[in-house]
Amino acid sequence: MHGPQGTDGWIPDLHAGLFTHTSVPARLPLVMVQSADGTHTSALGFEQSHGIFSSCGNRCYHADPHFGFNLAPGEERTVRGRLYMMKGTPEEAMARFQADFPIEP
């Protein structure tokens, strides 16, 4: 697990001790899972995410939204995201995400 560019490598304390990490940062705040037969893709992404990860054990996948640092008590922030459940490949899901969220990888 590693956060996309822009989160400066920050990993929540809970996740830092539980998951295997890679030194390669995610290029986009998007995680994707392809069906066993290769015909469908599920993808989850946000404008900015602090962690992109999945688990083969329980087949979960996460793109945890990053709301920034130093939120004051009662402060509200919004992050846009999208869940894609689609017929198609991970490449097609990534293209849709990049059309919806023009983020420079």
Protein backbone atom coordinates (compact mmCIF):
# COMPACT_ATOMS: atom_id res chain seq x y z
CA MET A 1 0.00 0.00 0.00
CA HIS A 2 1.24 3.46 -0.77
CA GLY A 3 -0.49 6.76 -1.26
CA PRO A 4 -0.66 8.47 -4.64
CA GLN A 5 1.50 11.48 -5.37
CA GLY A 6 0.38 14.45 -3.30
CA THR A 7 0.01 12.71 0.05
CA ASP A 8 3.78 12.76 0.60
CA GLY A 9 3.91 9.06 1.43
CA TRP A 10 1.63 9.42 4.44
CA ILE A 11 0.11 6.13 5.63
CA PRO A 12 -2.36 6.02 8.55
CA ASP A 13 -0.86 4.46 11.69
CA LEU A 14 -3.45 1.65 11.69
CA HIS A 15 -2.56 0.65 8.13
CA ALA A 16 1.18 1.06 8.55
CA GLY A 17 1.34 -1.87 10.95
CA LEU A 18 -1.17 -4.16 9.25
CA PHE A 19 -0.31 -4.23 5.56
CA THR A 20 2.67 -5.00 3.34
CA HIS A 21 3.87 -1.84 1.64
CA THR A 22 5.51 -1.12 -1.66
CA SER A 23 8.02 1.62 -2.35
CA VAL A 24 6.28 2.36 -5.66
CA PRO A 25 3.65 5.09 -5.27
CA ALA A 26 0.31 4.72 -7.03
CA ARG A 27 0.14 6.89 -10.14
CA LEU A 28 -3.59 7.50 -9.75
CA PRO A 29 -5.91 7.43 -6.71
CA LEU A 30 -7.70 4.41 -8.20
CA VAL A 31 -7.85 0.70 -7.33
CA MET A 32 -9.29 -1.89 -9.71
CA VAL A 33 -10.34 -5.55 -9.57
CA GLN A 34 -11.04 -7.60 -12.70
CA SER A 35 -13.46 -10.53 -12.75
CA ALA A 36 -11.98 -14.02 -13.03
CA ASP A 37 -13.28 -14.37 -16.58
CA GLY A 38 -11.85 -10.95 -17.56
CA THR A 39 -15.16 -9.50 -18.74
CA HIS A 40 -15.92 -7.04 -15.92
CA THR A 41 -14.01 -4.55 -13.81
CA SER A 42 -14.82 -2.88 -10.52
CA ALA A 43 -12.86 0.28 -9.73
CA LEU A 44 -12.90 2.77 -6.85
CA GLY A 45 -11.20 6.14 -6.94
CA PHE A 46 -11.17 9.63 -5.46
CA GLU A 47 -9.70 12.98 -6.46
CA GLN A 48 -7.02 12.31 -3.87
CA SER A 49 -6.47 9.20 -1.80
CA HIS A 50 -4.07 8.47 1.06
CA GLY A 51 -3.98 4.74 0.40
CA ILE A 52 -4.57 2.35 -2.46
CA PHE A 53 -4.62 -1.29 -1.46
CA SER A 54 -6.34 -4.65 -1.73
CA SER A 55 -6.34 -7.97 0.08
CA CYS A 56 -6.42 -11.33 -1.62
CA GLY A 57 -7.51 -12.98 1.64
CA ASN A 58 -10.95 -11.38 1.92
CA ARG A 59 -11.03 -9.90 -1.61
CA CYS A 60 -11.45 -6.30 -0.43
CA TYR A 61 -10.09 -3.26 -2.20
CA HIS A 62 -9.67 0.30 -0.95
CA ALA A 63 -9.04 3.77 -2.27
CA ASP A 64 -9.28 5.70 0.97
CA PRO A 65 -10.09 9.38 0.44
CA HIS A 66 -7.56 11.94 1.65
CA PHE A 67 -9.23 15.00 3.19
CA GLY A 68 -5.99 16.84 3.87
CA PHE A 69 -4.16 17.38 7.12
CA ASN A 70 -5.03 19.33 10.26
CA LEU A 71 -8.82 19.24 10.19
CA ALA A 72 -10.21 21.33 13.02
CA PRO A 73 -12.99 19.89 15.20
CA GLY A 74 -16.27 20.40 13.34
CA GLU A 75 -14.53 21.37 10.08
CA GLU A 76 -16.04 19.91 6.92
CA ARG A 77 -14.22 18.95 3.72
CA THR A 78 -15.42 17.24 0.58
CA VAL A 79 -13.61 14.85 -1.74
CA ARG A 80 -15.20 13.65 -4.98
CA GLY A 81 -14.99 9.99 -5.90
CA ARG A 82 -16.60 7.34 -8.04
CA LEU A 83 -17.28 3.61 -7.94
CA TYR A 84 -17.31 1.88 -11.33
CA MET A 85 -18.96 -1.51 -11.79
CA MET A 86 -18.65 -2.10 -15.49
CA LYS A 87 -18.32 -4.52 -18.34
CA GLY A 88 -14.81 -4.01 -19.65
CA THR A 89 -11.12 -4.15 -18.84
CA PRO A 90 -9.14 -2.36 -16.13
CA GLU A 91 -7.69 -0.17 -18.89
CA GLU A 92 -11.21 0.91 -19.87
CA ALA A 93 -12.04 1.64 -16.23
CA MET A 94 -8.86 3.70 -15.89
CA ALA A 95 -9.73 5.67 -19.03
CA ARG A 96 -13.19 6.44 -17.63
CA PHE A 97 -11.68 7.54 -14.31
CA GLN A 98 -9.18 9.79 -16.08
CA ALA A 99 -12.02 11.33 -18.15
CA ASP A 100 -14.05 11.96 -14.97
CA PHE A 101 -11.06 13.15 -12.92
CA PRO A 102 -8.38 14.75 -15.13
CA ILE A 103 -5.50 14.13 -12.70
CA GLU A 104 -1.95 14.21 -13.99
CA PRO A 105 -0.39 10.75 -13.24
